[in-house]
N, C-alpha and C. Protein backbone atom coordinates (compact mmCIF):
# COMPACT_ATOMS: atom_id res chain seq x y z
N MET A 1 -17.04 1.64 -27.13
CA MET A 1 -16.70 1.99 -25.75
C MET A 1 -15.29 1.59 -25.37
N PRO A 2 -14.74 0.44 -25.84
CA PRO A 2 -13.39 0.05 -25.45
C PRO A 2 -12.34 1.06 -25.87
N THR A 3 -12.53 1.81 -26.97
CA THR A 3 -11.54 2.78 -27.39
C THR A 3 -11.63 4.07 -26.59
N LEU A 4 -12.74 4.31 -25.90
CA LEU A 4 -12.90 5.52 -25.10
C LEU A 4 -12.03 5.48 -23.84
N LEU A 5 -11.89 4.31 -23.24
CA LEU A 5 -11.14 4.19 -21.99
C LEU A 5 -9.67 4.59 -22.14
N PRO A 6 -8.92 4.07 -23.14
CA PRO A 6 -7.54 4.52 -23.29
C PRO A 6 -7.43 6.01 -23.62
N ALA A 7 -8.40 6.56 -24.33
CA ALA A 7 -8.37 7.98 -24.64
C ALA A 7 -8.62 8.82 -23.39
N LEU A 8 -9.48 8.34 -22.51
CA LEU A 8 -9.80 9.05 -21.28
C LEU A 8 -8.74 8.84 -20.20
N LEU A 9 -8.14 7.66 -20.18
CA LEU A 9 -7.11 7.33 -19.19
C LEU A 9 -5.82 6.90 -19.90
N PRO A 10 -5.04 7.85 -20.41
CA PRO A 10 -3.82 7.48 -21.13
C PRO A 10 -2.76 6.86 -20.22
N ALA A 11 -2.83 7.17 -18.92
CA ALA A 11 -1.87 6.63 -17.95
C ALA A 11 -2.64 6.22 -16.70
N PRO A 12 -3.27 5.04 -16.73
CA PRO A 12 -4.15 4.65 -15.63
C PRO A 12 -3.46 4.60 -14.27
N LEU A 13 -2.21 4.13 -14.23
CA LEU A 13 -1.50 4.08 -12.95
C LEU A 13 -1.22 5.48 -12.41
N LEU A 14 -0.90 6.40 -13.29
CA LEU A 14 -0.69 7.79 -12.87
C LEU A 14 -2.00 8.37 -12.36
N SER A 15 -3.09 8.10 -13.05
CA SER A 15 -4.40 8.61 -12.61
C SER A 15 -4.73 8.07 -11.22
N LEU A 16 -4.51 6.78 -11.03
CA LEU A 16 -4.78 6.17 -9.72
C LEU A 16 -3.89 6.78 -8.64
N ALA A 17 -2.63 6.98 -8.95
CA ALA A 17 -1.69 7.57 -7.99
C ALA A 17 -2.10 9.00 -7.63
N LEU A 18 -2.50 9.78 -8.63
CA LEU A 18 -2.93 11.15 -8.36
C LEU A 18 -4.19 11.18 -7.50
N TRP A 19 -5.14 10.30 -7.81
CA TRP A 19 -6.36 10.23 -7.00
C TRP A 19 -6.01 9.85 -5.56
N GLY A 20 -5.16 8.83 -5.39
CA GLY A 20 -4.75 8.40 -4.05
C GLY A 20 -4.02 9.50 -3.30
N LEU A 21 -3.13 10.20 -3.99
CA LEU A 21 -2.40 11.31 -3.36
C LEU A 21 -3.36 12.41 -2.93
N TRP A 22 -4.34 12.72 -3.78
CA TRP A 22 -5.33 13.74 -3.43
C TRP A 22 -6.10 13.34 -2.16
N MET A 23 -6.47 12.07 -2.09
CA MET A 23 -7.22 11.59 -0.93
C MET A 23 -6.37 11.64 0.34
N VAL A 24 -5.12 11.28 0.24
CA VAL A 24 -4.23 11.31 1.41
C VAL A 24 -3.98 12.74 1.85
N LEU A 25 -3.69 13.61 0.91
CA LEU A 25 -3.40 15.01 1.27
C LEU A 25 -4.64 15.72 1.80
N GLY A 26 -5.81 15.34 1.29
CA GLY A 26 -7.05 15.95 1.76
C GLY A 26 -7.52 15.41 3.10
N ARG A 27 -6.95 14.30 3.53
CA ARG A 27 -7.30 13.67 4.82
C ARG A 27 -8.80 13.51 5.00
N SER A 28 -9.45 13.14 3.93
CA SER A 28 -10.89 12.97 4.00
C SER A 28 -11.31 11.94 2.96
N VAL A 29 -12.36 11.20 3.27
CA VAL A 29 -12.87 10.21 2.32
C VAL A 29 -14.29 10.55 1.88
N ASP A 30 -14.66 11.82 2.00
CA ASP A 30 -16.03 12.17 1.60
C ASP A 30 -16.14 12.21 0.07
N ALA A 31 -17.36 12.22 -0.41
CA ALA A 31 -17.64 12.13 -1.85
C ALA A 31 -17.05 13.31 -2.63
N GLY A 32 -17.09 14.51 -2.05
CA GLY A 32 -16.55 15.69 -2.74
C GLY A 32 -15.05 15.55 -2.99
N GLN A 33 -14.31 15.09 -1.98
CA GLN A 33 -12.86 14.89 -2.12
C GLN A 33 -12.59 13.81 -3.16
N ALA A 34 -13.35 12.72 -3.09
CA ALA A 34 -13.15 11.61 -4.03
C ALA A 34 -13.43 12.06 -5.46
N LEU A 35 -14.48 12.87 -5.65
CA LEU A 35 -14.83 13.35 -6.98
C LEU A 35 -13.75 14.31 -7.51
N MET A 36 -13.29 15.20 -6.65
CA MET A 36 -12.23 16.14 -7.07
C MET A 36 -10.95 15.37 -7.41
N GLY A 37 -10.61 14.36 -6.62
CA GLY A 37 -9.44 13.53 -6.91
C GLY A 37 -9.60 12.80 -8.24
N LEU A 38 -10.80 12.32 -8.52
CA LEU A 38 -11.07 11.64 -9.78
C LEU A 38 -10.91 12.61 -10.96
N VAL A 39 -11.45 13.81 -10.83
CA VAL A 39 -11.32 14.81 -11.90
C VAL A 39 -9.85 15.12 -12.15
N LEU A 40 -9.08 15.36 -11.08
CA LEU A 40 -7.65 15.64 -11.24
C LEU A 40 -6.90 14.44 -11.80
N GLY A 41 -7.26 13.25 -11.34
CA GLY A 41 -6.62 12.03 -11.81
C GLY A 41 -6.83 11.78 -13.30
N ILE A 42 -7.93 12.27 -13.83
CA ILE A 42 -8.20 12.14 -15.26
C ILE A 42 -7.61 13.33 -16.02
N ALA A 43 -7.79 14.54 -15.51
CA ALA A 43 -7.39 15.75 -16.24
C ALA A 43 -5.88 15.91 -16.34
N ILE A 44 -5.16 15.69 -15.26
CA ILE A 44 -3.70 15.95 -15.29
C ILE A 44 -2.99 15.06 -16.31
N PRO A 45 -3.22 13.74 -16.33
CA PRO A 45 -2.56 12.94 -17.37
C PRO A 45 -2.97 13.33 -18.79
N LEU A 46 -4.22 13.75 -18.98
CA LEU A 46 -4.65 14.18 -20.31
C LEU A 46 -3.92 15.46 -20.73
N LEU A 47 -3.79 16.40 -19.80
CA LEU A 47 -3.15 17.67 -20.12
C LEU A 47 -1.64 17.55 -20.28
N THR A 48 -1.04 16.57 -19.64
CA THR A 48 0.42 16.43 -19.70
C THR A 48 0.86 15.27 -20.60
N ARG A 49 -0.03 14.77 -21.41
CA ARG A 49 0.28 13.62 -22.28
C ARG A 49 1.52 13.88 -23.14
N GLY A 50 1.65 15.06 -23.68
CA GLY A 50 2.79 15.39 -24.54
C GLY A 50 4.11 15.53 -23.80
N LEU A 51 4.08 15.64 -22.50
CA LEU A 51 5.31 15.80 -21.72
C LEU A 51 5.91 14.46 -21.30
N ARG A 52 5.14 13.39 -21.42
CA ARG A 52 5.64 12.08 -21.00
C ARG A 52 6.70 11.58 -21.97
N PRO A 53 7.72 10.90 -21.43
CA PRO A 53 8.76 10.38 -22.32
C PRO A 53 8.22 9.27 -23.21
N LEU A 54 9.02 8.94 -24.19
CA LEU A 54 8.64 7.87 -25.11
C LEU A 54 8.54 6.55 -24.35
N PRO A 55 7.72 5.64 -24.83
CA PRO A 55 7.64 4.33 -24.18
C PRO A 55 8.99 3.64 -24.19
N VAL A 56 9.26 2.88 -23.15
CA VAL A 56 10.54 2.20 -23.00
C VAL A 56 10.33 0.70 -23.16
N ARG A 57 11.19 0.10 -23.92
CA ARG A 57 11.19 -1.36 -24.04
C ARG A 57 12.48 -1.87 -23.40
N VAL A 58 12.35 -2.63 -22.32
CA VAL A 58 13.52 -3.15 -21.62
C VAL A 58 14.09 -4.31 -22.42
N ARG A 59 15.36 -4.18 -22.77
CA ARG A 59 15.99 -5.20 -23.62
C ARG A 59 16.88 -6.14 -22.81
N HIS A 60 17.55 -5.63 -21.78
CA HIS A 60 18.52 -6.44 -21.04
C HIS A 60 18.34 -6.22 -19.54
N PRO A 61 17.45 -6.97 -18.89
CA PRO A 61 17.23 -6.79 -17.45
C PRO A 61 18.49 -7.02 -16.61
N VAL A 62 19.36 -7.90 -17.03
CA VAL A 62 20.60 -8.15 -16.29
C VAL A 62 21.49 -6.91 -16.33
N ALA A 63 21.53 -6.24 -17.47
CA ALA A 63 22.32 -5.02 -17.59
C ALA A 63 21.77 -3.93 -16.67
N ILE A 64 20.45 -3.90 -16.49
CA ILE A 64 19.84 -2.93 -15.58
C ILE A 64 20.31 -3.20 -14.15
N ALA A 65 20.29 -4.46 -13.76
CA ALA A 65 20.73 -4.82 -12.41
C ALA A 65 22.21 -4.49 -12.21
N ARG A 66 23.04 -4.79 -13.20
CA ARG A 66 24.48 -4.47 -13.10
C ARG A 66 24.69 -2.96 -12.97
N LEU A 67 23.96 -2.19 -13.79
CA LEU A 67 24.10 -0.74 -13.73
C LEU A 67 23.63 -0.20 -12.38
N ALA A 68 22.52 -0.72 -11.88
CA ALA A 68 22.01 -0.26 -10.58
C ALA A 68 23.03 -0.53 -9.47
N LEU A 69 23.64 -1.69 -9.48
CA LEU A 69 24.66 -2.01 -8.46
C LEU A 69 25.89 -1.11 -8.61
N ARG A 70 26.29 -0.86 -9.84
CA ARG A 70 27.44 0.01 -10.09
C ARG A 70 27.15 1.44 -9.61
N VAL A 71 25.95 1.94 -9.90
CA VAL A 71 25.57 3.29 -9.46
C VAL A 71 25.54 3.35 -7.93
N ALA A 72 25.00 2.32 -7.29
CA ALA A 72 24.96 2.30 -5.82
C ALA A 72 26.37 2.34 -5.25
N ALA A 73 27.25 1.52 -5.78
CA ALA A 73 28.64 1.49 -5.28
C ALA A 73 29.34 2.83 -5.54
N ASP A 74 29.16 3.38 -6.74
CA ASP A 74 29.80 4.65 -7.07
C ASP A 74 29.25 5.79 -6.21
N THR A 75 27.96 5.74 -5.90
CA THR A 75 27.36 6.78 -5.06
C THR A 75 27.94 6.73 -3.65
N ILE A 76 28.11 5.55 -3.12
CA ILE A 76 28.71 5.41 -1.78
C ILE A 76 30.14 5.93 -1.79
N ALA A 77 30.92 5.54 -2.80
CA ALA A 77 32.31 5.99 -2.89
C ALA A 77 32.37 7.52 -3.06
N SER A 78 31.49 8.08 -3.87
CA SER A 78 31.47 9.53 -4.08
C SER A 78 31.06 10.27 -2.81
N ASN A 79 30.12 9.70 -2.07
CA ASN A 79 29.74 10.30 -0.79
C ASN A 79 30.95 10.40 0.14
N LEU A 80 31.73 9.35 0.21
CA LEU A 80 32.91 9.36 1.07
C LEU A 80 33.95 10.37 0.57
N ASP A 81 34.15 10.44 -0.75
CA ASP A 81 35.08 11.42 -1.31
C ASP A 81 34.62 12.85 -1.05
N ALA A 82 33.34 13.12 -1.25
CA ALA A 82 32.81 14.47 -1.02
C ALA A 82 32.91 14.84 0.46
N LEU A 83 32.66 13.88 1.33
CA LEU A 83 32.78 14.12 2.77
C LEU A 83 34.21 14.48 3.13
N ARG A 84 35.17 13.76 2.53
CA ARG A 84 36.59 14.06 2.77
C ARG A 84 36.92 15.48 2.33
N VAL A 85 36.46 15.89 1.18
CA VAL A 85 36.75 17.23 0.65
C VAL A 85 36.15 18.31 1.55
N PHE A 86 34.92 18.08 2.02
CA PHE A 86 34.26 19.10 2.83
C PHE A 86 34.78 19.15 4.26
N LEU A 87 35.13 18.01 4.82
CA LEU A 87 35.62 17.99 6.20
C LEU A 87 37.10 18.34 6.29
N ALA A 88 37.87 18.03 5.27
CA ALA A 88 39.31 18.31 5.27
C ALA A 88 39.70 18.88 3.92
N PRO A 89 39.40 20.15 3.67
CA PRO A 89 39.69 20.75 2.36
C PRO A 89 41.17 20.68 1.99
N GLY A 90 42.03 20.61 2.97
CA GLY A 90 43.47 20.51 2.68
C GLY A 90 43.85 19.18 2.05
N LEU A 91 43.00 18.19 2.16
CA LEU A 91 43.28 16.88 1.57
C LEU A 91 42.74 16.74 0.15
N ARG A 92 42.27 17.85 -0.42
CA ARG A 92 41.74 17.82 -1.79
C ARG A 92 42.87 17.41 -2.74
N ARG A 93 42.58 16.44 -3.59
CA ARG A 93 43.58 15.92 -4.53
C ARG A 93 43.68 16.77 -5.80
N HIS A 94 42.53 17.27 -6.25
CA HIS A 94 42.48 18.02 -7.51
C HIS A 94 41.47 19.15 -7.37
N PRO A 95 41.62 20.21 -8.15
CA PRO A 95 40.62 21.29 -8.11
C PRO A 95 39.34 20.86 -8.84
N ALA A 96 38.28 21.60 -8.57
CA ALA A 96 37.02 21.37 -9.28
C ALA A 96 37.20 21.80 -10.73
N GLY A 97 36.39 21.24 -11.60
CA GLY A 97 36.49 21.61 -13.00
C GLY A 97 35.32 21.09 -13.80
N PHE A 98 35.33 21.43 -15.08
CA PHE A 98 34.30 20.99 -16.01
C PHE A 98 34.89 19.96 -16.97
N ALA A 99 34.12 18.93 -17.25
CA ALA A 99 34.55 17.90 -18.20
C ALA A 99 33.56 17.85 -19.36
N HIS A 100 34.09 17.82 -20.56
CA HIS A 100 33.27 17.68 -21.77
C HIS A 100 33.24 16.20 -22.14
N VAL A 101 32.04 15.62 -22.12
CA VAL A 101 31.88 14.19 -22.42
C VAL A 101 31.17 14.05 -23.76
N PRO A 102 31.88 13.57 -24.80
CA PRO A 102 31.19 13.34 -26.08
C PRO A 102 30.26 12.13 -25.94
N LEU A 103 29.05 12.29 -26.40
CA LEU A 103 28.04 11.24 -26.22
C LEU A 103 27.70 10.54 -27.53
N GLU A 104 27.56 9.24 -27.43
CA GLU A 104 27.00 8.44 -28.53
C GLU A 104 25.53 8.14 -28.22
N LEU A 105 25.16 8.25 -26.96
CA LEU A 105 23.82 7.98 -26.46
C LEU A 105 22.84 8.99 -27.03
N ARG A 106 21.73 8.51 -27.60
CA ARG A 106 20.76 9.43 -28.20
C ARG A 106 19.34 9.25 -27.66
N ASP A 107 19.04 8.10 -27.09
CA ASP A 107 17.68 7.82 -26.62
C ASP A 107 17.33 8.80 -25.49
N PRO A 108 16.19 9.51 -25.58
CA PRO A 108 15.84 10.50 -24.56
C PRO A 108 15.65 9.89 -23.16
N ASN A 109 15.12 8.67 -23.11
CA ASN A 109 14.97 8.02 -21.81
C ASN A 109 16.32 7.69 -21.21
N ALA A 110 17.25 7.23 -22.02
CA ALA A 110 18.59 6.92 -21.55
C ALA A 110 19.31 8.17 -21.08
N LEU A 111 19.12 9.28 -21.80
CA LEU A 111 19.73 10.55 -21.38
C LEU A 111 19.14 11.00 -20.04
N ALA A 112 17.85 10.78 -19.84
CA ALA A 112 17.23 11.13 -18.57
C ALA A 112 17.80 10.30 -17.43
N VAL A 113 18.02 9.00 -17.68
CA VAL A 113 18.61 8.14 -16.66
C VAL A 113 20.04 8.57 -16.38
N LEU A 114 20.78 8.93 -17.41
CA LEU A 114 22.14 9.42 -17.22
C LEU A 114 22.14 10.69 -16.36
N ALA A 115 21.19 11.57 -16.59
CA ALA A 115 21.08 12.79 -15.79
C ALA A 115 20.82 12.45 -14.33
N VAL A 116 19.97 11.48 -14.08
CA VAL A 116 19.67 11.06 -12.70
C VAL A 116 20.93 10.48 -12.05
N ILE A 117 21.64 9.64 -12.79
CA ILE A 117 22.86 9.03 -12.25
C ILE A 117 23.87 10.11 -11.88
N VAL A 118 24.09 11.05 -12.79
CA VAL A 118 25.06 12.12 -12.54
C VAL A 118 24.65 12.95 -11.34
N CYS A 119 23.38 13.27 -11.25
CA CYS A 119 22.91 14.12 -10.14
C CYS A 119 22.88 13.37 -8.81
N LEU A 120 22.74 12.05 -8.84
CA LEU A 120 22.76 11.26 -7.61
C LEU A 120 24.18 11.10 -7.06
N THR A 121 25.15 11.22 -7.92
CA THR A 121 26.53 11.01 -7.52
C THR A 121 27.10 12.31 -6.95
N PRO A 122 27.37 12.34 -5.65
CA PRO A 122 27.92 13.56 -5.05
C PRO A 122 29.24 13.94 -5.71
N GLY A 123 29.42 15.21 -5.92
CA GLY A 123 30.65 15.68 -6.54
C GLY A 123 30.53 15.88 -8.04
N THR A 124 29.41 15.48 -8.63
CA THR A 124 29.20 15.72 -10.06
C THR A 124 27.85 16.40 -10.26
N ALA A 125 27.80 17.24 -11.27
CA ALA A 125 26.54 17.91 -11.59
C ALA A 125 26.44 18.06 -13.11
N TRP A 126 25.26 17.80 -13.62
CA TRP A 126 24.97 17.96 -15.05
C TRP A 126 24.89 19.44 -15.32
N ALA A 127 25.79 19.98 -16.12
CA ALA A 127 25.82 21.42 -16.37
C ALA A 127 25.11 21.79 -17.67
N GLU A 128 25.34 21.01 -18.73
CA GLU A 128 24.74 21.38 -20.02
C GLU A 128 24.78 20.19 -20.97
N LEU A 129 23.77 20.10 -21.82
CA LEU A 129 23.73 19.13 -22.90
C LEU A 129 23.59 19.92 -24.20
N SER A 130 24.47 19.65 -25.15
CA SER A 130 24.42 20.39 -26.41
C SER A 130 23.08 20.13 -27.11
N SER A 131 22.68 21.06 -27.96
CA SER A 131 21.37 20.96 -28.60
C SER A 131 21.24 19.73 -29.49
N ASP A 132 22.36 19.23 -30.01
CA ASP A 132 22.29 18.01 -30.84
C ASP A 132 22.55 16.75 -30.01
N HIS A 133 22.65 16.90 -28.70
CA HIS A 133 22.85 15.78 -27.75
C HIS A 133 24.16 15.05 -27.95
N SER A 134 25.15 15.70 -28.56
CA SER A 134 26.41 15.02 -28.81
C SER A 134 27.48 15.33 -27.77
N MET A 135 27.24 16.34 -26.91
CA MET A 135 28.25 16.72 -25.92
C MET A 135 27.57 17.07 -24.60
N LEU A 136 28.11 16.49 -23.54
CA LEU A 136 27.61 16.72 -22.19
C LEU A 136 28.69 17.45 -21.41
N LEU A 137 28.30 18.48 -20.70
CA LEU A 137 29.23 19.22 -19.85
C LEU A 137 28.89 18.89 -18.40
N LEU A 138 29.87 18.34 -17.68
CA LEU A 138 29.69 17.98 -16.28
C LEU A 138 30.61 18.81 -15.41
N HIS A 139 30.11 19.22 -14.26
CA HIS A 139 30.96 19.85 -13.26
C HIS A 139 31.37 18.77 -12.28
N VAL A 140 32.66 18.73 -11.97
CA VAL A 140 33.20 17.68 -11.11
C VAL A 140 33.92 18.33 -9.93
N LEU A 141 33.62 17.87 -8.72
CA LEU A 141 34.20 18.44 -7.50
C LEU A 141 35.72 18.32 -7.48
N GLU A 142 36.23 17.18 -7.90
CA GLU A 142 37.68 16.96 -8.00
C GLU A 142 37.98 16.37 -9.37
N LEU A 143 38.45 17.20 -10.27
CA LEU A 143 38.72 16.74 -11.63
C LEU A 143 40.22 16.71 -11.85
N GLY A 144 40.77 15.50 -11.93
CA GLY A 144 42.19 15.34 -12.21
C GLY A 144 42.40 15.31 -13.71
N ASP A 145 42.50 14.12 -14.25
CA ASP A 145 42.69 13.91 -15.67
C ASP A 145 41.32 13.86 -16.36
N GLU A 146 41.01 14.88 -17.15
CA GLU A 146 39.70 14.95 -17.79
C GLU A 146 39.46 13.76 -18.71
N ALA A 147 40.47 13.35 -19.47
CA ALA A 147 40.31 12.23 -20.40
C ALA A 147 39.98 10.94 -19.64
N GLN A 148 40.62 10.75 -18.50
CA GLN A 148 40.35 9.55 -17.70
C GLN A 148 38.93 9.60 -17.14
N PHE A 149 38.49 10.77 -16.69
CA PHE A 149 37.13 10.93 -16.17
C PHE A 149 36.10 10.67 -17.26
N VAL A 150 36.34 11.21 -18.45
CA VAL A 150 35.42 11.01 -19.59
C VAL A 150 35.33 9.53 -19.92
N ALA A 151 36.47 8.85 -19.96
CA ALA A 151 36.48 7.41 -20.25
C ALA A 151 35.68 6.65 -19.19
N LEU A 152 35.80 7.06 -17.94
CA LEU A 152 35.07 6.41 -16.85
C LEU A 152 33.56 6.57 -17.03
N VAL A 153 33.11 7.77 -17.35
CA VAL A 153 31.68 8.03 -17.56
C VAL A 153 31.15 7.21 -18.74
N LYS A 154 31.91 7.18 -19.80
CA LYS A 154 31.47 6.45 -20.99
C LYS A 154 31.42 4.95 -20.72
N GLU A 155 32.42 4.42 -20.03
CA GLU A 155 32.49 2.98 -19.77
C GLU A 155 31.48 2.53 -18.72
N ARG A 156 31.39 3.27 -17.63
CA ARG A 156 30.57 2.84 -16.49
C ARG A 156 29.08 3.16 -16.67
N TYR A 157 28.76 4.22 -17.42
CA TYR A 157 27.36 4.64 -17.51
C TYR A 157 26.82 4.65 -18.93
N GLU A 158 27.53 5.31 -19.86
CA GLU A 158 26.98 5.44 -21.21
C GLU A 158 26.86 4.08 -21.90
N ARG A 159 27.89 3.27 -21.85
CA ARG A 159 27.83 1.97 -22.54
C ARG A 159 26.69 1.08 -22.02
N PRO A 160 26.53 0.92 -20.67
CA PRO A 160 25.39 0.12 -20.21
C PRO A 160 24.04 0.72 -20.59
N LEU A 161 23.93 2.05 -20.56
CA LEU A 161 22.67 2.68 -20.95
C LEU A 161 22.35 2.43 -22.42
N MET A 162 23.38 2.44 -23.25
CA MET A 162 23.16 2.13 -24.67
C MET A 162 22.72 0.69 -24.84
N GLU A 163 23.30 -0.21 -24.05
CA GLU A 163 22.91 -1.63 -24.11
C GLU A 163 21.44 -1.80 -23.69
N ILE A 164 21.03 -1.04 -22.70
CA ILE A 164 19.67 -1.16 -22.17
C ILE A 164 18.64 -0.50 -23.09
N PHE A 165 18.93 0.69 -23.58
CA PHE A 165 17.92 1.49 -24.27
C PHE A 165 18.01 1.48 -25.80
N GLU A 166 19.17 1.21 -26.35
CA GLU A 166 19.30 1.36 -27.82
C GLU A 166 19.53 0.03 -28.52
C-alpha cells in the first residue's frame, strides 16, 4: 500500500491546490463538488506528470536571495526606463533591437527562470532559444551596445543561475 500513494499522488501539493481551487471556484462545500475536486486533483497531476520540470536541488540559497534582489532592483529601474520611453519618445537614447546572447546555461529549470526574469523586466522580451540551447535571442526596447548588453545579461543573470542550478 505505501507504494500506491506516490503513484496515485505524484504531486500531493498540486493535488491539494487543485482541489482547493475547485472548491473556491465552485462556491460550494457539498459532497458532489468535493468529490469532483478530488477526482480532478488526482487526475490532472497524473495526466500532466510528463510536463513537469525536472526536480530541483537548491545548492546556494544565498545566491537565490542575491539574484532575487538584483531582479527586483533591475525590474524597478526598467519600469522607470520604459515609462520614460513611452511618455517622452523624444528622449529615447537608442532604437529597439535584437540581441544574440550565447548561453552556457543548460539546466531546463534555470532556462525557465531566465525566461521569467527576462519577461518580468520591462523593455525586454524572450524572442527565441536555439534548438541546442546555445543562443538566446532577446528583443530590447532600447539597445545601444549589443556586446555590453550581452555581458550584462550573462553577468547579472546567467552566472548566478548557473551557480544555483548547475
